[in-house]
């Protein structure tokens, strides 16, 4: 979840390449985590709707709704971090 390194503009070619590689890796990691949060969110939305067999009680549905909301926040956090890392490549 690190942001691009913009504090050292005179770090030389090797430093810039190193930061670009690091930012590219962080971009991929954050993108994957964002997709995972999105998938979890969708599963929790189905549970909140009562569409998951064996997990359709009121408490299960409430839990699914709360989980979906939490996953949505995680998804947005990872997407924002991925965007910042992509811009630093």
PDB file of N, CA and C in Angstrom:
ATOM      1  N   UNK A   1       0.817  -1.174   0.000  1.00  0.00           N
ATOM      2  CA  UNK A   1       0.000   0.000   0.000  1.00  0.00           C
ATOM      3  C   UNK A   1       0.868   1.248   0.000  1.00  0.00           C
ATOM      4  N   UNK A   2       2.059   1.170  -0.542  1.00  0.00           N
ATOM      5  CA  UNK A   2       2.927   2.324  -0.524  1.00  0.00           C
ATOM      6  C   UNK A   2       2.661   3.202  -1.744  1.00  0.00           C
ATOM      7  N   UNK A   3       2.839   4.471  -1.550  1.00  0.00           N
ATOM      8  CA  UNK A   3       2.650   5.434  -2.630  1.00  0.00           C
ATOM      9  C   UNK A   3       3.960   5.592  -3.383  1.00  0.00           C
ATOM     10  N   UNK A   4       3.901   6.104  -4.599  1.00  0.00           N
ATOM     11  CA  UNK A   4       5.120   6.311  -5.381  1.00  0.00           C
ATOM     12  C   UNK A   4       6.088   7.228  -4.653  1.00  0.00           C
ATOM     13  N   UNK A   5       7.366   7.005  -4.886  1.00  0.00           N
ATOM     14  CA  UNK A   5       8.389   7.807  -4.231  1.00  0.00           C
ATOM     15  C   UNK A   5       8.634   9.075  -5.037  1.00  0.00           C
ATOM     16  N   UNK A   6       8.110  10.179  -4.584  1.00  0.00           N
ATOM     17  CA  UNK A   6       8.289  11.457  -5.270  1.00  0.00           C
ATOM     18  C   UNK A   6       9.169  12.393  -4.456  1.00  0.00           C
ATOM     19  N   UNK A   7       9.698  11.910  -3.338  1.00  0.00           N
ATOM     20  CA  UNK A   7      10.498  12.755  -2.457  1.00  0.00           C
ATOM     21  C   UNK A   7      11.941  12.898  -2.913  1.00  0.00           C
ATOM     22  N   UNK A   8      12.383  12.071  -3.821  1.00  0.00           N
ATOM     23  CA  UNK A   8      13.788  12.075  -4.230  1.00  0.00           C
ATOM     24  C   UNK A   8      13.905  12.234  -5.753  1.00  0.00           C
ATOM     25  N   UNK A   9      13.714  13.435  -6.269  1.00  0.00           N
ATOM     26  CA  UNK A   9      13.749  13.597  -7.729  1.00  0.00           C
ATOM     27  C   UNK A   9      15.139  13.431  -8.334  1.00  0.00           C
ATOM     28  N   UNK A  10      16.214  13.565  -7.545  1.00  0.00           N
ATOM     29  CA  UNK A  10      17.581  13.486  -8.076  1.00  0.00           C
ATOM     30  C   UNK A  10      18.276  12.200  -7.658  1.00  0.00           C
ATOM     31  N   UNK A  11      17.595  11.094  -7.704  1.00  0.00           N
ATOM     32  CA  UNK A  11      18.168   9.851  -7.216  1.00  0.00           C
ATOM     33  C   UNK A  11      18.910   9.064  -8.286  1.00  0.00           C
ATOM     34  N   UNK A  12      18.935   9.515  -9.486  1.00  0.00           N
ATOM     35  CA  UNK A  12      19.662   8.838 -10.554  1.00  0.00           C
ATOM     36  C   UNK A  12      18.819   7.817 -11.278  1.00  0.00           C
ATOM     37  N   UNK A  13      19.357   7.344 -12.381  1.00  0.00           N
ATOM     38  CA  UNK A  13      18.650   6.406 -13.250  1.00  0.00           C
ATOM     39  C   UNK A  13      18.341   5.090 -12.534  1.00  0.00           C
ATOM     40  N   UNK A  14      19.338   4.526 -11.832  1.00  0.00           N
ATOM     41  CA  UNK A  14      19.110   3.247 -11.163  1.00  0.00           C
ATOM     42  C   UNK A  14      18.055   3.368 -10.074  1.00  0.00           C
ATOM     43  N   UNK A  15      18.062   4.464  -9.344  1.00  0.00           N
ATOM     44  CA  UNK A  15      17.049   4.684  -8.312  1.00  0.00           C
ATOM     45  C   UNK A  15      15.666   4.825  -8.911  1.00  0.00           C
ATOM     46  N   UNK A  16      15.592   5.520 -10.036  1.00  0.00           N
ATOM     47  CA  UNK A  16      14.300   5.697 -10.701  1.00  0.00           C
ATOM     48  C   UNK A  16      13.776   4.366 -11.230  1.00  0.00           C
ATOM     49  N   UNK A  17      14.668   3.572 -11.793  1.00  0.00           N
ATOM     50  CA  UNK A  17      14.267   2.249 -12.303  1.00  0.00           C
ATOM     51  C   UNK A  17      13.805   1.374 -11.141  1.00  0.00           C
ATOM     52  N   UNK A  18      14.557   1.410 -10.059  1.00  0.00           N
ATOM     53  CA  UNK A  18      14.196   0.620  -8.882  1.00  0.00           C
ATOM     54  C   UNK A  18      12.825   1.019  -8.361  1.00  0.00           C
ATOM     55  N   UNK A  19      12.566   2.315  -8.286  1.00  0.00           N
ATOM     56  CA  UNK A  19      11.262   2.772  -7.809  1.00  0.00           C
ATOM     57  C   UNK A  19      10.149   2.391  -8.774  1.00  0.00           C
ATOM     58  N   UNK A  20      10.421   2.440 -10.065  1.00  0.00           N
ATOM     59  CA  UNK A  20       9.409   2.058 -11.049  1.00  0.00           C
ATOM     60  C   UNK A  20       9.059   0.578 -10.928  1.00  0.00           C
ATOM     61  N   UNK A  21      10.084  -0.252 -10.733  1.00  0.00           N
ATOM     62  CA  UNK A  21       9.846  -1.693 -10.583  1.00  0.00           C
ATOM     63  C   UNK A  21       9.056  -1.950  -9.298  1.00  0.00           C
ATOM     64  N   UNK A  22       9.445  -1.266  -8.227  1.00  0.00           N
ATOM     65  CA  UNK A  22       8.738  -1.426  -6.957  1.00  0.00           C
ATOM     66  C   UNK A  22       7.281  -0.978  -7.096  1.00  0.00           C
ATOM     67  N   UNK A  23       7.052   0.163  -7.741  1.00  0.00           N
ATOM     68  CA  UNK A  23       5.691   0.658  -7.932  1.00  0.00           C
ATOM     69  C   UNK A  23       4.876  -0.271  -8.820  1.00  0.00           C
ATOM     70  N   UNK A  24       5.511  -0.875  -9.822  1.00  0.00           N
ATOM     71  CA  UNK A  24       4.805  -1.819 -10.690  1.00  0.00           C
ATOM     72  C   UNK A  24       4.374  -3.045  -9.884  1.00  0.00           C
ATOM     73  N   UNK A  25       5.267  -3.539  -9.035  1.00  0.00           N
ATOM     74  CA  UNK A  25       4.917  -4.684  -8.190  1.00  0.00           C
ATOM     75  C   UNK A  25       3.796  -4.352  -7.223  1.00  0.00           C
ATOM     76  N   UNK A  26       3.875  -3.165  -6.615  1.00  0.00           N
ATOM     77  CA  UNK A  26       2.821  -2.736  -5.693  1.00  0.00           C
ATOM     78  C   UNK A  26       1.492  -2.556  -6.430  1.00  0.00           C
ATOM     79  N   UNK A  27       1.549  -2.064  -7.658  1.00  0.00           N
ATOM     80  CA  UNK A  27       0.334  -1.891  -8.462  1.00  0.00           C
ATOM     81  C   UNK A  27      -0.349  -3.241  -8.682  1.00  0.00           C
ATOM     82  N   UNK A  28       0.446  -4.239  -9.064  1.00  0.00           N
ATOM     83  CA  UNK A  28      -0.112  -5.566  -9.311  1.00  0.00           C
ATOM     84  C   UNK A  28      -0.707  -6.137  -8.024  1.00  0.00           C
ATOM     85  N   UNK A  29       0.027  -6.006  -6.915  1.00  0.00           N
ATOM     86  CA  UNK A  29      -0.448  -6.544  -5.642  1.00  0.00           C
ATOM     87  C   UNK A  29      -1.747  -5.874  -5.209  1.00  0.00           C
ATOM     88  N   UNK A  30      -1.818  -4.561  -5.323  1.00  0.00           N
ATOM     89  CA  UNK A  30      -3.024  -3.832  -4.917  1.00  0.00           C
ATOM     90  C   UNK A  30      -4.198  -4.149  -5.834  1.00  0.00           C
ATOM     91  N   UNK A  31      -3.918  -4.335  -7.123  1.00  0.00           N
ATOM     92  CA  UNK A  31      -4.980  -4.688  -8.068  1.00  0.00           C
ATOM     93  C   UNK A  31      -5.560  -6.060  -7.725  1.00  0.00           C
ATOM     94  N   UNK A  32      -4.697  -7.014  -7.423  1.00  0.00           N
ATOM     95  CA  UNK A  32      -5.151  -8.357  -7.054  1.00  0.00           C
ATOM     96  C   UNK A  32      -5.967  -8.305  -5.765  1.00  0.00           C
ATOM     97  N   UNK A  33      -5.484  -7.556  -4.771  1.00  0.00           N
ATOM     98  CA  UNK A  33      -6.214  -7.443  -3.507  1.00  0.00           C
ATOM     99  C   UNK A  33      -7.564  -6.763  -3.715  1.00  0.00           C
ATOM    100  N   UNK A  34      -7.603  -5.765  -4.598  1.00  0.00           N
ATOM    101  CA  UNK A  34      -8.871  -5.094  -4.898  1.00  0.00           C
ATOM    102  C   UNK A  34      -9.868  -6.039  -5.545  1.00  0.00           C
ATOM    103  N   UNK A  35      -9.380  -6.885  -6.445  1.00  0.00           N
ATOM    104  CA  UNK A  35     -10.260  -7.870  -7.095  1.00  0.00           C
ATOM    105  C   UNK A  35     -10.755  -8.909  -6.091  1.00  0.00           C
ATOM    106  N   UNK A  36      -9.888  -9.286  -5.154  1.00  0.00           N
ATOM    107  CA  UNK A  36     -10.300 -10.222  -4.111  1.00  0.00           C
ATOM    108  C   UNK A  36     -11.387  -9.628  -3.225  1.00  0.00           C
ATOM    109  N   UNK A  37     -11.227  -8.350  -2.869  1.00  0.00           N
ATOM    110  CA  UNK A  37     -12.234  -7.669  -2.054  1.00  0.00           C
ATOM    111  C   UNK A  37     -13.547  -7.547  -2.820  1.00  0.00           C
ATOM    112  N   UNK A  38     -13.447  -7.318  -4.130  1.00  0.00           N
ATOM    113  CA  UNK A  38     -14.658  -7.215  -4.957  1.00  0.00           C
ATOM    114  C   UNK A  38     -15.402  -8.552  -4.996  1.00  0.00           C
ATOM    115  N   UNK A  39     -14.666  -9.638  -5.138  1.00  0.00           N
ATOM    116  CA  UNK A  39     -15.293 -10.965  -5.162  1.00  0.00           C
ATOM    117  C   UNK A  39     -15.944 -11.283  -3.825  1.00  0.00           C
ATOM    118  N   UNK A  40     -15.266 -10.950  -2.748  1.00  0.00           N
ATOM    119  CA  UNK A  40     -15.828 -11.182  -1.417  1.00  0.00           C
ATOM    120  C   UNK A  40     -17.085 -10.347  -1.207  1.00  0.00           C
ATOM    121  N   UNK A  41     -17.038  -9.116  -1.697  1.00  0.00           N
ATOM    122  CA  UNK A  41     -18.201  -8.232  -1.589  1.00  0.00           C
ATOM    123  C   UNK A  41     -19.406  -8.834  -2.290  1.00  0.00           C
ATOM    124  N   UNK A  42     -19.199  -9.364  -3.473  1.00  0.00           N
ATOM    125  CA  UNK A  42     -20.305  -9.952  -4.231  1.00  0.00           C
ATOM    126  C   UNK A  42     -20.881 -11.172  -3.504  1.00  0.00           C
ATOM    127  N   UNK A  43     -20.007 -11.991  -2.916  1.00  0.00           N
ATOM    128  CA  UNK A  43     -20.486 -13.139  -2.147  1.00  0.00           C
ATOM    129  C   UNK A  43     -21.299 -12.704  -0.937  1.00  0.00           C
ATOM    130  N   UNK A  44     -20.815 -11.674  -0.261  1.00  0.00           N
ATOM    131  CA  UNK A  44     -21.543 -11.170   0.899  1.00  0.00           C
ATOM    132  C   UNK A  44     -22.873 -10.522   0.505  1.00  0.00           C
ATOM    133  N   UNK A  45     -22.911  -9.918  -0.664  1.00  0.00           N
ATOM    134  CA  UNK A  45     -24.185  -9.343  -1.138  1.00  0.00           C
ATOM    135  C   UNK A  45     -25.216 -10.443  -1.358  1.00  0.00           C
ATOM    136  N   UNK A  46     -24.781 -11.561  -1.903  1.00  0.00           N
ATOM    137  CA  UNK A  46     -25.693 -12.684  -2.115  1.00  0.00           C
ATOM    138  C   UNK A  46     -26.187 -13.223  -0.777  1.00  0.00           C
ATOM    139  N   UNK A  47     -25.293 -13.296   0.209  1.00  0.00           N
ATOM    140  CA  UNK A  47     -25.690 -13.747   1.543  1.00  0.00           C
ATOM    141  C   UNK A  47     -26.687 -12.766   2.152  1.00  0.00           C
ATOM    142  N   UNK A  48     -26.455 -11.473   1.957  1.00  0.00           N
ATOM    143  CA  UNK A  48     -27.371 -10.459   2.496  1.00  0.00           C
ATOM    144  C   UNK A  48     -28.755 -10.567   1.867  1.00  0.00           C
ATOM    145  N   UNK A  49     -28.811 -11.022   0.624  1.00  0.00           N
ATOM    146  CA  UNK A  49     -30.091 -11.196  -0.058  1.00  0.00           C
ATOM    147  C   UNK A  49     -30.777 -12.506   0.344  1.00  0.00           C
ATOM    148  N   UNK A  50     -30.058 -13.368   1.061  1.00  0.00           N
ATOM    149  CA  UNK A  50     -30.621 -14.648   1.461  1.00  0.00           C
ATOM    150  C   UNK A  50     -30.484 -15.713   0.399  1.00  0.00           C
ATOM    151  N   UNK A  51     -29.534 -15.542  -0.517  1.00  0.00           N
ATOM    152  CA  UNK A  51     -29.366 -16.470  -1.629  1.00  0.00           C
ATOM    153  C   UNK A  51     -28.306 -17.539  -1.388  1.00  0.00           C
ATOM    154  N   UNK A  52     -27.807 -17.646  -0.157  1.00  0.00           N
ATOM    155  CA  UNK A  52     -26.792 -18.648   0.152  1.00  0.00           C
ATOM    156  C   UNK A  52     -27.440 -19.733   1.001  1.00  0.00           C
ATOM    157  N   UNK A  53     -27.517 -20.949   0.477  1.00  0.00           N
ATOM    158  CA  UNK A  53     -28.155 -22.031   1.234  1.00  0.00           C
ATOM    159  C   UNK A  53     -27.488 -22.238   2.588  1.00  0.00           C
ATOM    160  N   UNK A  54     -28.300 -22.364   3.617  1.00  0.00           N
ATOM    161  CA  UNK A  54     -27.792 -22.586   4.953  1.00  0.00           C
ATOM    162  C   UNK A  54     -27.371 -21.326   5.683  1.00  0.00           C
ATOM    163  N   UNK A  55     -27.390 -20.201   4.983  1.00  0.00           N
ATOM    164  CA  UNK A  55     -27.008 -18.923   5.594  1.00  0.00           C
ATOM    165  C   UNK A  55     -28.052 -17.866   5.251  1.00  0.00           C
ATOM    166  N   UNK A  56     -29.301 -18.202   5.562  1.00  0.00           N
ATOM    167  CA  UNK A  56     -30.370 -17.291   5.177  1.00  0.00           C
ATOM    168  C   UNK A  56     -31.167 -16.768   6.372  1.00  0.00           C
ATOM    169  N   UNK A  57     -30.625 -16.941   7.588  1.00  0.00           N
ATOM    170  CA  UNK A  57     -31.304 -16.375   8.752  1.00  0.00           C
ATOM    171  C   UNK A  57     -31.091 -14.862   8.768  1.00  0.00           C
ATOM    172  N   UNK A  58     -31.844 -14.186   9.582  1.00  0.00           N
ATOM    173  CA  UNK A  58     -31.712 -12.725   9.671  1.00  0.00           C
ATOM    174  C   UNK A  58     -30.291 -12.338  10.076  1.00  0.00           C
ATOM    175  N   UNK A  59     -29.733 -13.019  11.077  1.00  0.00           N
ATOM    176  CA  UNK A  59     -28.376 -12.680  11.518  1.00  0.00           C
ATOM    177  C   UNK A  59     -27.347 -12.955  10.422  1.00  0.00           C
ATOM    178  N   UNK A  60     -27.537 -14.035   9.660  1.00  0.00           N
ATOM    179  CA  UNK A  60     -26.626 -14.316   8.545  1.00  0.00           C
ATOM    180  C   UNK A  60     -26.735 -13.235   7.477  1.00  0.00           C
ATOM    181  N   UNK A  61     -27.954 -12.792   7.215  1.00  0.00           N
ATOM    182  CA  UNK A  61     -28.152 -11.765   6.196  1.00  0.00           C
ATOM    183  C   UNK A  61     -27.563 -10.432   6.627  1.00  0.00           C
ATOM    184  N   UNK A  62     -27.725 -10.097   7.910  1.00  0.00           N
ATOM    185  CA  UNK A  62     -27.135  -8.856   8.422  1.00  0.00           C
ATOM    186  C   UNK A  62     -25.615  -8.939   8.341  1.00  0.00           C
ATOM    187  N   UNK A  63     -25.080 -10.083   8.732  1.00  0.00           N
ATOM    188  CA  UNK A  63     -23.634 -10.288   8.662  1.00  0.00           C
ATOM    189  C   UNK A  63     -23.132 -10.136   7.225  1.00  0.00           C
ATOM    190  N   UNK A  64     -23.870 -10.672   6.277  1.00  0.00           N
ATOM    191  CA  UNK A  64     -23.502 -10.535   4.859  1.00  0.00           C
ATOM    192  C   UNK A  64     -23.512  -9.087   4.410  1.00  0.00           C
ATOM    193  N   UNK A  65     -24.513  -8.340   4.854  1.00  0.00           N
ATOM    194  CA  UNK A  65     -24.587  -6.924   4.489  1.00  0.00           C
ATOM    195  C   UNK A  65     -23.433  -6.126   5.060  1.00  0.00           C
ATOM    196  N   UNK A  66     -23.104  -6.397   6.319  1.00  0.00           N
ATOM    197  CA  UNK A  66     -21.973  -5.697   6.938  1.00  0.00           C
ATOM    198  C   UNK A  66     -20.659  -6.093   6.277  1.00  0.00           C
ATOM    199  N   UNK A  67     -20.540  -7.364   5.939  1.00  0.00           N
ATOM    200  CA  UNK A  67     -19.341  -7.830   5.243  1.00  0.00           C
ATOM    201  C   UNK A  67     -19.192  -7.193   3.875  1.00  0.00           C
ATOM    202  N   UNK A  68     -20.301  -7.061   3.171  1.00  0.00           N
ATOM    203  CA  UNK A  68     -20.260  -6.434   1.841  1.00  0.00           C
ATOM    204  C   UNK A  68     -19.822  -4.979   1.949  1.00  0.00           C
ATOM    205  N   UNK A  69     -20.320  -4.268   2.956  1.00  0.00           N
ATOM    206  CA  UNK A  69     -19.932  -2.865   3.136  1.00  0.00           C
ATOM    207  C   UNK A  69     -18.444  -2.751   3.451  1.00  0.00           C
ATOM    208  N   UNK A  70     -17.958  -3.623   4.311  1.00  0.00           N
ATOM    209  CA  UNK A  70     -16.535  -3.613   4.662  1.00  0.00           C
ATOM    210  C   UNK A  70     -15.670  -3.954   3.448  1.00  0.00           C
ATOM    211  N   UNK A  71     -16.093  -4.935   2.672  1.00  0.00           N
ATOM    212  CA  UNK A  71     -15.343  -5.328   1.480  1.00  0.00           C
ATOM    213  C   UNK A  71     -15.324  -4.205   0.451  1.00  0.00           C
ATOM    214  N   UNK A  72     -16.405  -3.463   0.356  1.00  0.00           N
ATOM    215  CA  UNK A  72     -16.452  -2.349  -0.597  1.00  0.00           C
ATOM    216  C   UNK A  72     -15.433  -1.283  -0.204  1.00  0.00           C
ATOM    217  N   UNK A  73     -15.318  -0.998   1.093  1.00  0.00           N
ATOM    218  CA  UNK A  73     -14.312  -0.037   1.552  1.00  0.00           C
ATOM    219  C   UNK A  73     -12.902  -0.535   1.232  1.00  0.00           C
ATOM    220  N   UNK A  74     -12.651  -1.818   1.481  1.00  0.00           N
ATOM    221  CA  UNK A  74     -11.349  -2.398   1.159  1.00  0.00           C
ATOM    222  C   UNK A  74     -11.066  -2.311  -0.343  1.00  0.00           C
ATOM    223  N   UNK A  75     -12.062  -2.596  -1.145  1.00  0.00           N
ATOM    224  CA  UNK A  75     -11.902  -2.551  -2.591  1.00  0.00           C
ATOM    225  C   UNK A  75     -11.497  -1.155  -3.036  1.00  0.00           C
ATOM    226  N   UNK A  76     -12.185  -0.143  -2.534  1.00  0.00           N
ATOM    227  CA  UNK A  76     -11.863   1.234  -2.925  1.00  0.00           C
ATOM    228  C   UNK A  76     -10.475   1.643  -2.444  1.00  0.00           C
ATOM    229  N   UNK A  77     -10.083   1.191  -1.250  1.00  0.00           N
ATOM    230  CA  UNK A  77      -8.763   1.503  -0.718  1.00  0.00           C
ATOM    231  C   UNK A  77      -7.682   0.908  -1.621  1.00  0.00           C
ATOM    232  N   UNK A  78      -7.851  -0.350  -2.012  1.00  0.00           N
ATOM    233  CA  UNK A  78      -6.863  -1.018  -2.853  1.00  0.00           C
ATOM    234  C   UNK A  78      -6.828  -0.400  -4.259  1.00  0.00           C
ATOM    235  N   UNK A  79      -7.973  -0.045  -4.784  1.00  0.00           N
ATOM    236  CA  UNK A  79      -8.008   0.576  -6.111  1.00  0.00           C
ATOM    237  C   UNK A  79      -7.310   1.934  -6.104  1.00  0.00           C
ATOM    238  N   UNK A  80      -7.504   2.714  -5.040  1.00  0.00           N
ATOM    239  CA  UNK A  80      -6.848   4.021  -4.942  1.00  0.00           C
ATOM    240  C   UNK A  80      -5.339   3.855  -4.822  1.00  0.00           C
ATOM    241  N   UNK A  81      -4.909   2.895  -4.034  1.00  0.00           N
ATOM    242  CA  UNK A  81      -3.483   2.649  -3.879  1.00  0.00           C
ATOM    243  C   UNK A  81      -2.870   2.148  -5.192  1.00  0.00           C
ATOM    244  N   UNK A  82      -3.588   1.281  -5.890  1.00  0.00           N
ATOM    245  CA  UNK A  82      -3.107   0.784  -7.182  1.00  0.00           C
ATOM    246  C   UNK A  82      -2.959   1.931  -8.171  1.00  0.00           C
ATOM    247  N   UNK A  83      -3.911   2.841  -8.160  1.00  0.00           N
ATOM    248  CA  UNK A  83      -3.855   3.988  -9.071  1.00  0.00           C
ATOM    249  C   UNK A  83      -2.642   4.860  -8.761  1.00  0.00           C
ATOM    250  N   UNK A  84      -2.382   5.092  -7.477  1.00  0.00           N
ATOM    251  CA  UNK A  84      -1.220   5.905  -7.090  1.00  0.00           C
ATOM    252  C   UNK A  84       0.067   5.232  -7.520  1.00  0.00           C
ATOM    253  N   UNK A  85       0.157   3.915  -7.357  1.00  0.00           N
ATOM    254  CA  UNK A  85       1.360   3.200  -7.774  1.00  0.00           C
ATOM    255  C   UNK A  85       1.511   3.189  -9.286  1.00  0.00           C
ATOM    256  N   UNK A  86       0.415   3.088 -10.004  1.00  0.00           N
ATOM    257  CA  UNK A  86       0.477   3.092 -11.469  1.00  0.00           C
ATOM    258  C   UNK A  86       0.999   4.432 -11.972  1.00  0.00           C
ATOM    259  N   UNK A  87       0.580   5.510 -11.346  1.00  0.00           N
ATOM    260  CA  UNK A  87       1.037   6.832 -11.755  1.00  0.00           C
ATOM    261  C   UNK A  87       2.520   7.039 -11.451  1.00  0.00           C
ATOM    262  N   UNK A  88       3.054   6.269 -10.499  1.00  0.00           N
ATOM    263  CA  UNK A  88       4.463   6.387 -10.152  1.00  0.00           C
ATOM    264  C   UNK A  88       5.391   5.526 -10.984  1.00  0.00           C
ATOM    265  N   UNK A  89       4.837   4.751 -11.899  1.00  0.00           N
ATOM    266  CA  UNK A  89       5.668   3.856 -12.732  1.00  0.00           C
ATOM    267  C   UNK A  89       6.388   4.663 -13.775  1.00  0.00           C
TER     268      UNK A  89
END
